[in-house]
Amino acid sequence: MEMLVRPASLQALENAENPFQSRFWAEIKKSNGWDPHAFDLSFSKARLPGSSDCIDKTSVLLVLSKNIFPGAGIAYVPFGPDLPQGNIDASDLKQLTFQLKKLIKKNLFLVRFDFPWNSVITQRKTDSNTNPVRTRLLPRRLSYAIQPEATLLLDLAPPVESIYDNFRKRAKRHIVRGMQSLVTETFTNPVPEEVFSDWYDIYRITARRDGFHPRSSEYLQKMLSLSQNDNKSTGCMLTAARQHGRMVAGSITLRSRNIAVYLFGASLREEGQKSSPSYLVQWQAIQEARRLGCRVYDFFGISPADAASGKSHHLQSLAQFKRSFGGMYAERPGTWDVPLRPLTYKLFTIAEKYRIHAARS
């Protein structure tokens, strides 16, 4: 596969299909210490497996970079690139990596890829007559994924009634019960400070209860405040449920023109509670995403179908909740790294693996 990478303006990301490849996401990550870069990425004469057809495809690629150690940085591609027919050979990642390395003005020791849903990474057999490639610089799949490896994608094209009818009994039961005592509302432009404060209190309680590390209030407020200033189609919304005037659950959803992604959720669990308010919050967010023109609702993370033990996977606790809303199962090929400085890379992954294991235990 022939690839050509050329610098582009961040404005070229305005109409990105995937919100993690949007200019909005570039601004979010910039506020969190990353440097965003946009590139025009062209694939040409890409021969599909088992076919003589060729494909020409051009897309805009968001790449984030950051110095991890003094004089040593990484480049990270979130949910990209948009591949021809969703396929790329692992050896072609090296070609893409070295083009990115030349264009990003950092001393990189790693280029990392988290590919879009339903991407396929193939591995070409090495020709014994060619010069051997140093195995330590070959692309490799991490044993731990940075982004979720599996999700459920809900089609928002059918009428609202049809979407609801396809929910499982569990979701319907909680939604009906929730509607008897809860009031829901979605906030976009802007989110009142007191609303965010109430939600963040619940979010911290949820983090302590469920054992995950919460995002900082500054980071989440930045996401919502940038949405306030973005008059285009990409941004975040906060959906909240109140009972007798008191907030009991809420979620933050990221959206582009066509895709909504459920990012953060929080809820209270109290004695005598007959239903979980999170179900009604999710149903409200789904309807709002559909009203805003989104065609797909991404629940963003369940345990993969081939997980060795579902109960041990860090996303298993959310699987029952998300599956009750239906949706089509989708997978990604995990997180792929192309190390450029093997020793620095090894030290980095040892520390990273320990940190992620501690956060997900």
Protein backbone atom coordinates (compact mmCIF):
# COMPACT_ATOMS: atom_id res chain seq x y z
CA MET A 1 0.00 0.00 0.00
CA GLU A 2 1.31 3.43 -0.94
CA MET A 3 0.69 6.20 1.57
CA LEU A 4 1.29 9.93 1.38
CA VAL A 5 1.14 12.12 4.49
CA ARG A 6 1.05 15.91 4.23
CA PRO A 7 0.54 18.59 6.91
CA ALA A 8 -2.93 20.12 7.07
CA SER A 9 -4.70 22.79 9.08
CA LEU A 10 -6.65 21.80 12.19
CA GLN A 11 -9.64 23.40 10.47
CA ALA A 12 -9.61 20.41 8.11
CA LEU A 13 -10.84 18.32 11.06
CA GLU A 14 -14.07 20.33 11.40
CA ASN A 15 -16.25 17.79 9.59
CA ALA A 16 -14.72 14.63 11.00
CA GLU A 17 -17.11 11.69 11.16
CA ASN A 18 -15.52 10.29 14.31
CA PRO A 19 -15.60 12.74 17.24
CA PHE A 20 -12.18 11.47 18.43
CA GLN A 21 -10.75 12.66 15.12
CA SER A 22 -12.40 16.08 15.27
CA ARG A 23 -11.04 19.57 15.81
CA PHE A 24 -13.09 19.67 19.00
CA TRP A 25 -11.20 16.66 20.37
CA ALA A 26 -7.91 18.25 19.29
CA GLU A 27 -8.75 21.28 21.43
CA ILE A 28 -9.76 19.08 24.37
CA LYS A 29 -6.47 17.20 24.31
CA LYS A 30 -4.50 20.41 23.81
CA SER A 31 -5.92 21.70 27.08
CA ASN A 32 -4.68 18.45 28.67
CA GLY A 33 -1.06 18.88 27.58
CA TRP A 34 -1.07 17.26 24.12
CA ASP A 35 -0.02 18.96 20.89
CA PRO A 36 -2.56 18.31 18.10
CA HIS A 37 -1.48 17.85 14.47
CA ALA A 38 -3.64 17.44 11.36
CA PHE A 39 -2.49 15.59 8.25
CA ASP A 40 -3.92 14.78 4.85
CA LEU A 41 -3.54 11.04 4.47
CA SER A 42 -3.81 9.42 1.06
CA PHE A 43 -3.86 5.70 0.27
CA SER A 44 -3.27 4.76 -3.35
CA LYS A 45 -3.01 1.54 -5.28
CA ALA A 46 -4.17 -0.38 -2.26
CA ARG A 47 -4.69 -3.97 -3.34
CA LEU A 48 -7.33 -5.76 -1.31
CA PRO A 49 -6.70 -9.37 -0.20
CA GLY A 50 -8.00 -11.75 -2.84
CA SER A 51 -8.84 -8.95 -5.27
CA SER A 52 -7.18 -7.13 -8.14
CA ASP A 53 -9.15 -3.94 -7.43
CA CYS A 54 -7.34 -0.78 -6.39
CA ILE A 55 -8.60 1.90 -4.05
CA ASP A 56 -7.78 5.55 -3.82
CA LYS A 57 -8.78 7.07 -0.50
CA THR A 58 -8.01 10.39 1.15
CA SER A 59 -8.83 11.40 4.70
CA VAL A 60 -7.75 13.87 7.36
CA LEU A 61 -5.90 12.42 10.33
CA LEU A 62 -5.63 13.84 13.86
CA VAL A 63 -2.38 12.92 15.62
CA LEU A 64 -1.57 13.95 19.20
CA SER A 65 1.99 14.27 20.51
CA LYS A 66 3.49 14.82 23.94
CA ASN A 67 6.91 14.66 25.59
CA ILE A 68 6.88 11.85 28.16
CA PHE A 69 10.52 12.13 29.19
CA PRO A 70 12.91 15.05 28.57
CA GLY A 71 13.74 14.89 24.88
CA ALA A 72 11.53 11.82 24.29
CA GLY A 73 7.93 11.94 23.11
CA ILE A 74 5.12 9.84 21.76
CA ALA A 75 2.62 10.37 18.96
CA TYR A 76 -0.86 8.95 19.38
CA VAL A 77 -3.60 8.41 16.80
CA PRO A 78 -7.04 8.17 18.48
CA PHE A 79 -9.51 6.05 16.50
CA GLY A 80 -7.65 6.50 13.23
CA PRO A 81 -6.69 6.33 10.48
CA ASP A 82 -9.79 5.81 8.36
CA LEU A 83 -8.58 2.79 6.39
CA PRO A 84 -9.48 1.63 2.86
CA GLN A 85 -12.19 -0.97 3.43
CA GLY A 86 -11.13 -0.98 7.10
CA ASN A 87 -7.98 -2.98 6.33
CA ILE A 88 -4.26 -2.31 6.73
CA ASP A 89 -1.23 -4.55 6.91
CA ALA A 90 0.91 -4.28 10.03
CA SER A 91 4.00 -3.68 7.90
CA ASP A 92 2.31 -0.63 6.36
CA LEU A 93 2.05 0.90 9.83
CA LYS A 94 5.80 1.24 9.84
CA GLN A 95 5.65 3.25 6.60
CA LEU A 96 3.00 5.52 8.08
CA THR A 97 4.94 5.82 11.33
CA PHE A 98 8.14 7.05 9.72
CA GLN A 99 6.27 9.61 7.63
CA LEU A 100 4.62 10.95 10.78
CA LYS A 101 7.96 10.95 12.59
CA LYS A 102 9.47 13.22 9.92
CA LEU A 103 6.58 15.69 10.13
CA ILE A 104 6.16 15.91 13.91
CA LYS A 105 8.91 18.07 15.37
CA LYS A 106 9.62 15.91 18.40
CA ASN A 107 12.17 13.24 19.20
CA LEU A 108 9.65 10.41 19.20
CA PHE A 109 10.30 7.02 20.76
CA LEU A 110 6.82 5.67 19.94
CA VAL A 111 3.91 6.08 17.55
CA ARG A 112 0.71 4.49 18.87
CA PHE A 113 -2.53 3.66 17.05
CA ASP A 114 -6.01 2.96 18.38
CA PHE A 115 -7.92 2.00 15.25
CA PRO A 116 -11.63 2.64 14.55
CA TRP A 117 -14.33 0.04 15.17
CA ASN A 118 -14.36 -2.91 12.76
CA SER A 119 -10.83 -2.25 11.51
CA VAL A 120 -8.74 -5.27 10.52
CA ILE A 121 -4.96 -5.48 10.91
CA THR A 122 -3.32 -8.16 8.81
CA GLN A 123 0.24 -9.43 9.05
CA ARG A 124 2.09 -10.16 5.85
CA LYS A 125 4.49 -13.08 5.75
CA THR A 126 8.13 -12.02 5.57
CA ASP A 127 9.88 -12.75 2.29
CA SER A 128 13.11 -14.58 3.05
CA ASN A 129 14.80 -12.95 0.04
CA THR A 130 14.30 -9.43 1.37
CA ASN A 131 16.41 -7.66 3.91
CA PRO A 132 15.26 -8.69 7.39
CA VAL A 133 13.43 -6.02 9.36
CA ARG A 134 14.59 -5.48 12.90
CA THR A 135 11.90 -7.18 14.95
CA ARG A 136 12.27 -4.71 17.78
CA LEU A 137 10.94 -1.96 15.49
CA LEU A 138 8.02 -3.95 14.09
CA PRO A 139 4.43 -2.94 14.92
CA ARG A 140 3.07 -4.85 17.86
CA ARG A 141 -0.27 -5.21 19.55
CA LEU A 142 -0.26 -4.28 23.22
CA SER A 143 -1.33 -6.93 25.72
CA TYR A 144 -3.49 -4.22 27.30
CA ALA A 145 -5.67 -1.86 25.27
CA ILE A 146 -5.75 1.89 25.95
CA GLN A 147 -9.21 2.37 24.46
CA PRO A 148 -12.09 -0.15 24.71
CA GLU A 149 -11.73 -3.16 22.41
CA ALA A 150 -15.45 -3.85 22.04
CA THR A 151 -18.64 -1.82 22.08
CA LEU A 152 -22.31 -1.75 21.16
CA LEU A 153 -23.48 0.56 18.36
CA LEU A 154 -27.15 1.54 18.44
CA ASP A 155 -28.78 2.49 15.14
CA LEU A 156 -30.70 5.75 15.60
CA ALA A 157 -32.30 5.76 12.13
CA PRO A 158 -35.54 3.91 13.09
CA PRO A 159 -38.42 5.74 14.78
CA VAL A 160 -38.04 6.35 18.50
CA GLU A 161 -40.76 3.82 19.27
CA SER A 162 -38.93 1.09 17.34
CA ILE A 163 -35.67 1.83 19.14
CA TYR A 164 -37.42 1.53 22.50
CA ASP A 165 -39.25 -1.65 21.51
CA ASN A 166 -35.91 -3.36 20.89
CA PHE A 167 -34.66 -2.68 24.42
CA ARG A 168 -34.51 -5.64 26.78
CA LYS A 169 -37.11 -6.02 29.52
CA ARG A 170 -34.59 -4.90 32.13
CA ALA A 171 -34.07 -1.50 30.49
CA LYS A 172 -37.78 -0.98 29.88
CA ARG A 173 -38.62 -1.82 33.48
CA HIS A 174 -36.12 0.67 34.89
CA ILE A 175 -37.15 3.38 32.41
CA VAL A 176 -40.86 3.01 33.25
CA ARG A 177 -40.18 3.09 36.97
CA GLY A 178 -37.83 6.04 36.58
CA MET A 179 -40.42 8.07 34.70
CA GLN A 180 -42.73 7.83 37.71
CA SER A 181 -40.43 9.83 39.98
CA LEU A 182 -37.57 11.35 37.95
CA VAL A 183 -37.25 14.47 35.81
CA THR A 184 -34.55 14.45 33.13
CA GLU A 185 -32.92 17.30 31.26
CA THR A 186 -30.05 17.63 28.78
CA PHE A 187 -27.71 20.62 28.88
CA THR A 188 -25.54 21.70 25.95
CA ASN A 189 -24.85 25.40 25.52
CA PRO A 190 -23.89 26.09 28.24
CA VAL A 191 -24.03 23.71 31.22
CA PRO A 192 -24.86 25.74 34.35
CA GLU A 193 -22.11 25.65 36.95
CA GLU A 194 -24.42 24.32 39.67
CA VAL A 195 -25.57 21.49 37.40
CA PHE A 196 -22.00 20.41 36.70
CA SER A 197 -21.09 20.69 40.39
CA ASP A 198 -24.00 18.46 41.42
CA TRP A 199 -23.13 15.92 38.75
CA TYR A 200 -19.42 15.88 39.61
CA ASP A 201 -20.22 15.14 43.26
CA ILE A 202 -22.15 12.06 42.13
CA TYR A 203 -19.36 11.14 39.70
CA ARG A 204 -16.79 11.09 42.52
CA ILE A 205 -19.11 8.94 44.65
CA THR A 206 -19.51 6.54 41.72
CA ALA A 207 -15.73 6.37 41.25
CA ARG A 208 -15.17 5.43 44.89
CA ARG A 209 -17.97 2.86 44.79
CA ASP A 210 -16.97 1.21 41.51
CA GLY A 211 -13.21 1.55 41.91
CA PHE A 212 -12.11 3.71 38.98
CA HIS A 213 -10.00 6.85 38.83
CA PRO A 214 -12.21 9.89 38.06
CA ARG A 215 -11.28 12.55 35.55
CA SER A 216 -10.55 15.94 37.06
CA SER A 217 -13.32 18.50 37.23
CA GLU A 218 -11.11 20.90 35.24
CA TYR A 219 -10.82 18.43 32.37
CA LEU A 220 -14.54 17.72 32.22
CA GLN A 221 -15.48 21.38 32.59
CA LYS A 222 -13.17 22.15 29.68
CA MET A 223 -15.03 19.65 27.52
CA LEU A 224 -18.36 21.23 28.35
CA SER A 225 -17.13 24.83 28.06
CA LEU A 226 -15.59 24.18 24.63
CA SER A 227 -18.95 22.79 23.56
CA GLN A 228 -20.44 26.10 24.61
CA ASN A 229 -18.16 28.00 22.22
CA ASP A 230 -18.43 25.53 19.36
CA ASN A 231 -21.30 26.51 17.08
CA LYS A 232 -20.65 23.53 14.85
CA SER A 233 -21.82 19.95 15.16
CA THR A 234 -19.20 18.47 17.50
CA GLY A 235 -19.33 18.87 21.25
CA CYS A 236 -20.48 17.42 24.58
CA MET A 237 -23.77 17.37 26.42
CA LEU A 238 -24.66 16.55 30.01
CA THR A 239 -27.87 14.67 30.75
CA ALA A 240 -29.13 14.66 34.34
CA ALA A 241 -31.96 13.05 36.30
CA ARG A 242 -33.42 14.66 39.43
CA GLN A 243 -35.71 13.26 42.09
CA HIS A 244 -37.61 15.79 44.19
CA GLY A 245 -35.20 18.45 42.94
CA ARG A 246 -32.05 16.50 43.88
CA MET A 247 -29.74 15.13 41.19
CA VAL A 248 -29.41 11.34 41.39
CA ALA A 249 -27.75 10.42 38.07
CA GLY A 250 -26.19 11.90 34.95
CA SER A 251 -23.96 11.29 31.96
CA ILE A 252 -21.67 13.14 29.57
CA THR A 253 -21.99 12.32 25.88
CA LEU A 254 -19.57 13.32 23.13
CA ARG A 255 -21.04 13.81 19.67
CA SER A 256 -20.12 14.64 16.11
CA ARG A 257 -22.49 15.21 13.20
CA ASN A 258 -23.42 11.54 13.00
CA ILE A 259 -22.03 9.74 16.05
CA ALA A 260 -22.77 10.12 19.76
CA VAL A 261 -20.43 8.47 22.29
CA TYR A 262 -21.36 7.72 25.91
CA LEU A 263 -18.23 8.77 27.82
CA PHE A 264 -18.95 9.25 31.53
CA GLY A 265 -21.79 8.14 33.76
CA ALA A 266 -22.61 8.56 37.44
CA SER A 267 -25.47 7.56 39.73
CA LEU A 268 -26.43 7.23 43.37
CA ARG A 269 -27.41 3.89 44.89
CA GLU A 270 -29.56 4.31 47.94
CA GLU A 271 -31.39 1.97 50.29
CA GLY A 272 -34.89 1.16 49.14
CA GLN A 273 -34.21 2.33 45.57
CA LYS A 274 -36.58 0.43 43.26
CA SER A 275 -34.95 1.37 39.98
CA SER A 276 -31.64 2.60 38.64
CA PRO A 277 -31.92 6.19 37.35
CA SER A 278 -29.05 5.55 34.91
CA TYR A 279 -31.44 3.77 32.53
CA LEU A 280 -33.69 6.79 32.16
CA VAL A 281 -30.65 9.06 31.78
CA GLN A 282 -29.35 6.85 28.99
CA TRP A 283 -32.71 6.81 27.23
CA GLN A 284 -32.89 10.61 27.43
CA ALA A 285 -29.35 10.93 26.01
CA ILE A 286 -30.18 8.54 23.16
CA GLN A 287 -33.27 10.53 22.21
CA GLU A 288 -31.38 13.83 22.37
CA ALA A 289 -28.57 12.48 20.19
CA ARG A 290 -31.13 11.34 17.64
CA ARG A 291 -32.86 14.72 17.75
CA LEU A 292 -29.53 16.43 17.03
CA GLY A 293 -29.08 14.32 13.90
CA CYS A 294 -26.77 11.54 15.10
CA ARG A 295 -27.20 8.25 13.28
CA VAL A 296 -25.28 6.03 15.71
CA TYR A 297 -25.08 5.89 19.52
CA ASP A 298 -21.83 4.32 20.70
CA PHE A 299 -21.98 2.86 24.23
CA PHE A 300 -18.16 2.92 24.18
CA GLY A 301 -16.89 -0.12 25.92
CA ILE A 302 -17.92 -3.61 26.96
CA SER A 303 -15.81 -6.68 27.59
CA PRO A 304 -14.74 -8.38 24.32
CA ALA A 305 -16.54 -11.54 23.27
CA ASP A 306 -13.29 -13.54 23.40
CA ALA A 307 -12.23 -12.32 26.86
CA ALA A 308 -10.77 -15.24 28.81
CA SER A 309 -13.01 -14.54 31.79
CA GLY A 310 -15.78 -11.98 31.48
CA LYS A 311 -15.91 -11.34 35.21
CA SER A 312 -12.23 -10.36 35.30
CA HIS A 313 -12.47 -7.76 32.55
CA HIS A 314 -12.52 -4.19 33.81
CA LEU A 315 -15.57 -3.31 31.66
CA GLN A 316 -17.65 -6.35 32.58
CA SER A 317 -19.57 -4.49 35.30
CA LEU A 318 -21.01 -2.17 32.62
CA ALA A 319 -21.81 -4.89 30.09
CA GLN A 320 -25.22 -5.92 31.47
CA PHE A 321 -26.34 -2.29 31.68
CA LYS A 322 -25.26 -1.44 28.13
CA ARG A 323 -26.49 -4.67 26.54
CA SER A 324 -29.99 -4.02 27.87
CA PHE A 325 -30.31 -1.24 25.25
CA GLY A 326 -29.51 -3.56 22.34
CA GLY A 327 -27.17 -2.41 19.60
CA MET A 328 -24.76 -4.13 17.25
CA TYR A 329 -21.59 -5.64 18.68
CA ALA A 330 -18.36 -4.19 17.23
CA GLU A 331 -14.67 -4.79 17.93
CA ARG A 332 -11.33 -3.11 17.31
CA PRO A 333 -7.93 -4.78 16.90
CA GLY A 334 -6.67 -3.31 20.16
CA THR A 335 -3.84 -0.81 20.60
CA TRP A 336 -0.85 -1.07 18.25
CA ASP A 337 2.59 0.42 18.87
CA VAL A 338 5.49 1.09 16.54
CA PRO A 339 8.52 1.61 18.83
CA LEU A 340 11.27 3.87 17.50
CA ARG A 341 13.67 3.75 20.45
CA PRO A 342 13.38 0.24 21.94
CA LEU A 343 14.99 0.86 25.34
CA THR A 344 12.97 3.99 26.08
CA TYR A 345 9.86 2.22 24.82
CA LYS A 346 10.46 -0.76 27.12
CA LEU A 347 10.82 1.46 30.19
CA PHE A 348 7.69 3.38 29.24
CA THR A 349 5.51 0.28 28.75
CA ILE A 350 6.67 -1.30 32.02
CA ALA A 351 5.57 1.81 33.93
CA GLU A 352 2.39 2.18 31.88
CA LYS A 353 1.33 -1.44 32.34
CA TYR A 354 1.73 -1.16 36.10
CA ARG A 355 -0.26 2.08 36.21
CA ILE A 356 -3.12 0.71 34.08
CA HIS A 357 -3.27 -2.55 36.02
CA ALA A 358 -3.51 -0.60 39.28
CA ALA A 359 -6.27 1.65 37.88
CA ARG A 360 -8.34 -1.28 36.55
CA SER A 361 -7.88 -3.74 39.41
